[in-house]
């Protein structure tokens, strides 16, 4: 059974990235059979033992196996009814597969948007708190248009502080050191 969800991000630690990556790369047929049509892999520059995998927006056996093995799973949604509906469906699928548990975290994008939806109501519908509310912020499109990360371009902007909180929660205080950032 496949269920749609807005974004699935899996984060976990690995002992040896090169070995992990070789194993991941060794099974393109398995990924394709599992419905994975695209993915991205990232690592924080200061923690080579931490891996971030963004996967397709459906749950299937392949994705569920990765979710089960992950240390943290971020569900990312926005302040709109279709996004919340897809989050609810995805969470129900995870609960049915008994893989959700405490590793499931909610990132709520545009959390301060005035769209006649209340964060508290969304939390009630989803049955979980918005662990990481990310505010709507004009600094984002400005930094995107300038080709610079918002946390570098505008480190004091509310959205940058929210992203720093996510990094610190997942990677510890060293993740959001402000050294080397140029900003206003």
C-alpha atoms as a PDB file:
ATOM      1  CA  UNK A   1       0.000   0.000   0.000  1.00  0.00           C
ATOM      2  CA  UNK A   2       1.295   3.474  -0.839  1.00  0.00           C
ATOM      3  CA  UNK A   3       0.306   6.645   0.967  1.00  0.00           C
ATOM      4  CA  UNK A   4       1.207  10.158  -0.068  1.00  0.00           C
ATOM      5  CA  UNK A   5       2.958  12.615   2.225  1.00  0.00           C
ATOM      6  CA  UNK A   6       4.456  16.042   1.671  1.00  0.00           C
ATOM      7  CA  UNK A   7       8.152  15.333   2.407  1.00  0.00           C
ATOM      8  CA  UNK A   8      10.032  12.460   3.966  1.00  0.00           C
ATOM      9  CA  UNK A   9      13.470  13.159   5.432  1.00  0.00           C
ATOM     10  CA  UNK A  10      15.400  10.402   7.164  1.00  0.00           C
ATOM     11  CA  UNK A  11      18.449  11.120   9.309  1.00  0.00           C
ATOM     12  CA  UNK A  12      20.741   8.625  10.962  1.00  0.00           C
ATOM     13  CA  UNK A  13      24.276   8.028  12.036  1.00  0.00           C
ATOM     14  CA  UNK A  14      26.706   5.807  10.142  1.00  0.00           C
ATOM     15  CA  UNK A  15      30.090   4.504  11.229  1.00  0.00           C
ATOM     16  CA  UNK A  16      31.693   4.743   7.805  1.00  0.00           C
ATOM     17  CA  UNK A  17      30.002   6.926   5.205  1.00  0.00           C
ATOM     18  CA  UNK A  18      31.906   5.460   2.245  1.00  0.00           C
ATOM     19  CA  UNK A  19      30.839   1.915   3.164  1.00  0.00           C
ATOM     20  CA  UNK A  20      27.247   3.044   3.769  1.00  0.00           C
ATOM     21  CA  UNK A  21      27.145   4.955   0.459  1.00  0.00           C
ATOM     22  CA  UNK A  22      28.590   1.995  -1.459  1.00  0.00           C
ATOM     23  CA  UNK A  23      25.868  -0.239  -0.009  1.00  0.00           C
ATOM     24  CA  UNK A  24      23.189   2.338  -0.815  1.00  0.00           C
ATOM     25  CA  UNK A  25      24.485   2.772  -4.363  1.00  0.00           C
ATOM     26  CA  UNK A  26      24.746  -0.989  -4.911  1.00  0.00           C
ATOM     27  CA  UNK A  27      20.987  -1.471  -5.139  1.00  0.00           C
ATOM     28  CA  UNK A  28      19.509   0.860  -7.785  1.00  0.00           C
ATOM     29  CA  UNK A  29      17.216  -1.930  -8.982  1.00  0.00           C
ATOM     30  CA  UNK A  30      15.884  -2.420  -5.442  1.00  0.00           C
ATOM     31  CA  UNK A  31      15.239   1.300  -5.082  1.00  0.00           C
ATOM     32  CA  UNK A  32      13.458   1.385  -8.451  1.00  0.00           C
ATOM     33  CA  UNK A  33      11.387  -1.686  -7.552  1.00  0.00           C
ATOM     34  CA  UNK A  34      10.503   0.037  -4.283  1.00  0.00           C
ATOM     35  CA  UNK A  35       9.170   3.048  -6.166  1.00  0.00           C
ATOM     36  CA  UNK A  36      12.102   5.352  -5.505  1.00  0.00           C
ATOM     37  CA  UNK A  37      12.378   7.579  -8.532  1.00  0.00           C
ATOM     38  CA  UNK A  38      14.515  10.274  -6.968  1.00  0.00           C
ATOM     39  CA  UNK A  39      16.391  10.895  -3.746  1.00  0.00           C
ATOM     40  CA  UNK A  40      19.052  13.129  -2.322  1.00  0.00           C
ATOM     41  CA  UNK A  41      21.735  12.407   0.225  1.00  0.00           C
ATOM     42  CA  UNK A  42      23.456  15.047   2.330  1.00  0.00           C
ATOM     43  CA  UNK A  43      25.833  15.202   5.277  1.00  0.00           C
ATOM     44  CA  UNK A  44      26.591  18.051   7.632  1.00  0.00           C
ATOM     45  CA  UNK A  45      30.109  19.315   6.941  1.00  0.00           C
ATOM     46  CA  UNK A  46      31.077  19.005  10.594  1.00  0.00           C
ATOM     47  CA  UNK A  47      29.664  15.498  11.179  1.00  0.00           C
ATOM     48  CA  UNK A  48      30.704  12.957   8.529  1.00  0.00           C
ATOM     49  CA  UNK A  49      28.969  10.185  10.477  1.00  0.00           C
ATOM     50  CA  UNK A  50      25.524  11.724  10.037  1.00  0.00           C
ATOM     51  CA  UNK A  51      23.479  11.047   6.890  1.00  0.00           C
ATOM     52  CA  UNK A  52      20.365  12.815   5.642  1.00  0.00           C
ATOM     53  CA  UNK A  53      18.275  11.055   2.985  1.00  0.00           C
ATOM     54  CA  UNK A  54      15.321  12.748   1.283  1.00  0.00           C
ATOM     55  CA  UNK A  55      13.029  10.210  -0.378  1.00  0.00           C
ATOM     56  CA  UNK A  56       9.993  10.209  -2.634  1.00  0.00           C
ATOM     57  CA  UNK A  57       6.716  11.347  -1.236  1.00  0.00           C
ATOM     58  CA  UNK A  58       5.158   7.888  -0.921  1.00  0.00           C
ATOM     59  CA  UNK A  59       5.513   5.108   1.621  1.00  0.00           C
ATOM     60  CA  UNK A  60       6.284   1.695   0.234  1.00  0.00           C
ATOM     61  CA  UNK A  61       8.243  -1.277   1.584  1.00  0.00           C
ATOM     62  CA  UNK A  62      11.598   0.250   0.616  1.00  0.00           C
ATOM     63  CA  UNK A  63      10.864   3.609   2.232  1.00  0.00           C
ATOM     64  CA  UNK A  64       9.316   1.994   5.310  1.00  0.00           C
ATOM     65  CA  UNK A  65      12.476  -0.090   5.826  1.00  0.00           C
ATOM     66  CA  UNK A  66      14.583   3.089   5.740  1.00  0.00           C
ATOM     67  CA  UNK A  67      12.183   4.837   8.127  1.00  0.00           C
ATOM     68  CA  UNK A  68      12.407   1.923  10.528  1.00  0.00           C
ATOM     69  CA  UNK A  69      16.222   2.055  10.491  1.00  0.00           C
ATOM     70  CA  UNK A  70      16.381   5.844  10.910  1.00  0.00           C
ATOM     71  CA  UNK A  71      17.223   7.644  14.129  1.00  0.00           C
ATOM     72  CA  UNK A  72      14.995  10.636  13.316  1.00  0.00           C
ATOM     73  CA  UNK A  73      12.228  11.116  10.759  1.00  0.00           C
ATOM     74  CA  UNK A  74      11.064  14.607   9.854  1.00  0.00           C
ATOM     75  CA  UNK A  75       7.603  15.043   8.393  1.00  0.00           C
ATOM     76  CA  UNK A  76       7.399  18.426   6.686  1.00  0.00           C
ATOM     77  CA  UNK A  77       4.082  20.062   6.004  1.00  0.00           C
ATOM     78  CA  UNK A  78       2.619  23.483   5.373  1.00  0.00           C
ATOM     79  CA  UNK A  79      -0.318  25.459   6.691  1.00  0.00           C
ATOM     80  CA  UNK A  80      -2.780  24.225   4.065  1.00  0.00           C
ATOM     81  CA  UNK A  81      -5.473  21.560   4.137  1.00  0.00           C
ATOM     82  CA  UNK A  82      -4.005  19.293   1.399  1.00  0.00           C
ATOM     83  CA  UNK A  83      -0.643  19.224   3.182  1.00  0.00           C
ATOM     84  CA  UNK A  84      -2.221  18.435   6.554  1.00  0.00           C
ATOM     85  CA  UNK A  85      -4.417  15.732   4.971  1.00  0.00           C
ATOM     86  CA  UNK A  86      -1.343  14.103   3.386  1.00  0.00           C
ATOM     87  CA  UNK A  87       0.556  14.297   6.668  1.00  0.00           C
ATOM     88  CA  UNK A  88      -2.345  12.599   8.463  1.00  0.00           C
ATOM     89  CA  UNK A  89      -2.493   9.808   5.856  1.00  0.00           C
ATOM     90  CA  UNK A  90       1.261   9.314   6.049  1.00  0.00           C
ATOM     91  CA  UNK A  91       1.222   9.243   9.840  1.00  0.00           C
ATOM     92  CA  UNK A  92      -1.602   6.697   9.826  1.00  0.00           C
ATOM     93  CA  UNK A  93       0.431   4.530   7.455  1.00  0.00           C
ATOM     94  CA  UNK A  94       3.450   4.784   9.741  1.00  0.00           C
ATOM     95  CA  UNK A  95       1.322   3.934  12.769  1.00  0.00           C
ATOM     96  CA  UNK A  96      -0.122   0.901  10.961  1.00  0.00           C
ATOM     97  CA  UNK A  97       3.404  -0.274  10.246  1.00  0.00           C
ATOM     98  CA  UNK A  98       4.422   0.345  13.879  1.00  0.00           C
ATOM     99  CA  UNK A  99       7.423   2.406  12.885  1.00  0.00           C
ATOM    100  CA  UNK A 100       6.456   5.916  14.004  1.00  0.00           C
ATOM    101  CA  UNK A 101       7.205   6.229  17.687  1.00  0.00           C
ATOM    102  CA  UNK A 102       9.248   9.035  19.201  1.00  0.00           C
ATOM    103  CA  UNK A 103      11.578   9.400  16.211  1.00  0.00           C
ATOM    104  CA  UNK A 104       8.784  11.071  14.229  1.00  0.00           C
ATOM    105  CA  UNK A 105       9.055  14.894  14.295  1.00  0.00           C
ATOM    106  CA  UNK A 106       6.821  17.490  12.656  1.00  0.00           C
ATOM    107  CA  UNK A 107       8.246  20.470  10.800  1.00  0.00           C
ATOM    108  CA  UNK A 108       5.439  22.918  10.096  1.00  0.00           C
ATOM    109  CA  UNK A 109       6.420  25.361   7.371  1.00  0.00           C
ATOM    110  CA  UNK A 110       4.809  28.817   7.193  1.00  0.00           C
ATOM    111  CA  UNK A 111       3.633  28.272  10.775  1.00  0.00           C
ATOM    112  CA  UNK A 112       2.786  31.948  11.245  1.00  0.00           C
ATOM    113  CA  UNK A 113       0.874  32.334   7.976  1.00  0.00           C
ATOM    114  CA  UNK A 114      -2.539  33.911   8.330  1.00  0.00           C
ATOM    115  CA  UNK A 115      -4.505  31.317   6.364  1.00  0.00           C
ATOM    116  CA  UNK A 116      -7.387  30.683   8.777  1.00  0.00           C
ATOM    117  CA  UNK A 117      -5.717  27.548  10.099  1.00  0.00           C
ATOM    118  CA  UNK A 118      -4.393  27.459  13.644  1.00  0.00           C
ATOM    119  CA  UNK A 119      -1.243  25.546  14.616  1.00  0.00           C
ATOM    120  CA  UNK A 120      -3.029  24.185  17.715  1.00  0.00           C
ATOM    121  CA  UNK A 121      -5.864  22.834  15.544  1.00  0.00           C
ATOM    122  CA  UNK A 122      -3.368  21.200  13.179  1.00  0.00           C
ATOM    123  CA  UNK A 123      -1.601  19.618  16.165  1.00  0.00           C
ATOM    124  CA  UNK A 124      -4.950  18.305  17.424  1.00  0.00           C
ATOM    125  CA  UNK A 125      -5.854  16.834  14.022  1.00  0.00           C
ATOM    126  CA  UNK A 126      -2.441  15.189  13.638  1.00  0.00           C
ATOM    127  CA  UNK A 127      -2.249  14.071  17.257  1.00  0.00           C
ATOM    128  CA  UNK A 128       1.261  15.464  17.674  1.00  0.00           C
ATOM    129  CA  UNK A 129       2.990  18.731  18.398  1.00  0.00           C
ATOM    130  CA  UNK A 130       4.679  20.813  15.760  1.00  0.00           C
ATOM    131  CA  UNK A 131       8.192  20.129  17.015  1.00  0.00           C
ATOM    132  CA  UNK A 132       9.679  22.634  14.625  1.00  0.00           C
ATOM    133  CA  UNK A 133       7.437  25.509  13.526  1.00  0.00           C
ATOM    134  CA  UNK A 134       9.164  27.414  10.718  1.00  0.00           C
ATOM    135  CA  UNK A 135       7.762  30.904  10.179  1.00  0.00           C
ATOM    136  CA  UNK A 136       6.907  32.499   6.885  1.00  0.00           C
ATOM    137  CA  UNK A 137       9.696  35.021   6.297  1.00  0.00           C
ATOM    138  CA  UNK A 138      10.484  37.406   3.444  1.00  0.00           C
ATOM    139  CA  UNK A 139      14.173  36.648   4.054  1.00  0.00           C
ATOM    140  CA  UNK A 140      13.737  33.253   2.325  1.00  0.00           C
ATOM    141  CA  UNK A 141      12.866  34.400  -1.220  1.00  0.00           C
ATOM    142  CA  UNK A 142      15.372  37.248  -0.934  1.00  0.00           C
ATOM    143  CA  UNK A 143      18.207  34.852  -0.042  1.00  0.00           C
ATOM    144  CA  UNK A 144      17.087  32.311  -2.676  1.00  0.00           C
ATOM    145  CA  UNK A 145      17.124  35.016  -5.338  1.00  0.00           C
ATOM    146  CA  UNK A 146      20.596  36.060  -4.171  1.00  0.00           C
ATOM    147  CA  UNK A 147      21.779  32.431  -4.294  1.00  0.00           C
ATOM    148  CA  UNK A 148      22.772  32.305  -0.625  1.00  0.00           C
ATOM    149  CA  UNK A 149      21.405  30.232   2.267  1.00  0.00           C
ATOM    150  CA  UNK A 150      19.078  32.274   4.445  1.00  0.00           C
ATOM    151  CA  UNK A 151      20.974  31.232   7.590  1.00  0.00           C
ATOM    152  CA  UNK A 152      24.100  32.811   6.113  1.00  0.00           C
ATOM    153  CA  UNK A 153      22.477  35.822   4.478  1.00  0.00           C
ATOM    154  CA  UNK A 154      20.146  36.711   7.354  1.00  0.00           C
ATOM    155  CA  UNK A 155      21.253  34.776  10.474  1.00  0.00           C
ATOM    156  CA  UNK A 156      19.012  36.788  12.811  1.00  0.00           C
ATOM    157  CA  UNK A 157      15.860  36.365  10.723  1.00  0.00           C
ATOM    158  CA  UNK A 158      13.086  34.369  12.441  1.00  0.00           C
ATOM    159  CA  UNK A 159      13.307  31.631   9.795  1.00  0.00           C
ATOM    160  CA  UNK A 160      17.076  31.311  10.352  1.00  0.00           C
ATOM    161  CA  UNK A 161      16.561  30.956  14.092  1.00  0.00           C
ATOM    162  CA  UNK A 162      13.933  28.260  13.447  1.00  0.00           C
ATOM    163  CA  UNK A 163      16.301  26.359  11.134  1.00  0.00           C
ATOM    164  CA  UNK A 164      19.074  26.657  13.736  1.00  0.00           C
ATOM    165  CA  UNK A 165      16.702  25.107  16.311  1.00  0.00           C
ATOM    166  CA  UNK A 166      16.078  22.157  13.998  1.00  0.00           C
ATOM    167  CA  UNK A 167      19.817  21.675  13.433  1.00  0.00           C
ATOM    168  CA  UNK A 168      20.569  21.866  17.162  1.00  0.00           C
ATOM    169  CA  UNK A 169      17.768  19.438  18.052  1.00  0.00           C
ATOM    170  CA  UNK A 170      18.979  16.868  15.526  1.00  0.00           C
ATOM    171  CA  UNK A 171      22.740  17.359  15.635  1.00  0.00           C
ATOM    172  CA  UNK A 172      23.435  19.089  18.948  1.00  0.00           C
ATOM    173  CA  UNK A 173      24.636  22.611  19.731  1.00  0.00           C
ATOM    174  CA  UNK A 174      27.665  22.347  17.437  1.00  0.00           C
ATOM    175  CA  UNK A 175      25.328  22.218  14.422  1.00  0.00           C
ATOM    176  CA  UNK A 176      24.327  25.841  14.470  1.00  0.00           C
ATOM    177  CA  UNK A 177      27.490  27.629  15.455  1.00  0.00           C
ATOM    178  CA  UNK A 178      27.219  31.097  14.058  1.00  0.00           C
ATOM    179  CA  UNK A 179      30.956  31.391  13.305  1.00  0.00           C
ATOM    180  CA  UNK A 180      31.734  32.349   9.761  1.00  0.00           C
ATOM    181  CA  UNK A 181      28.227  33.564   9.002  1.00  0.00           C
ATOM    182  CA  UNK A 182      28.012  36.905   7.439  1.00  0.00           C
ATOM    183  CA  UNK A 183      24.809  38.674   8.031  1.00  0.00           C
ATOM    184  CA  UNK A 184      23.293  41.832   9.246  1.00  0.00           C
END
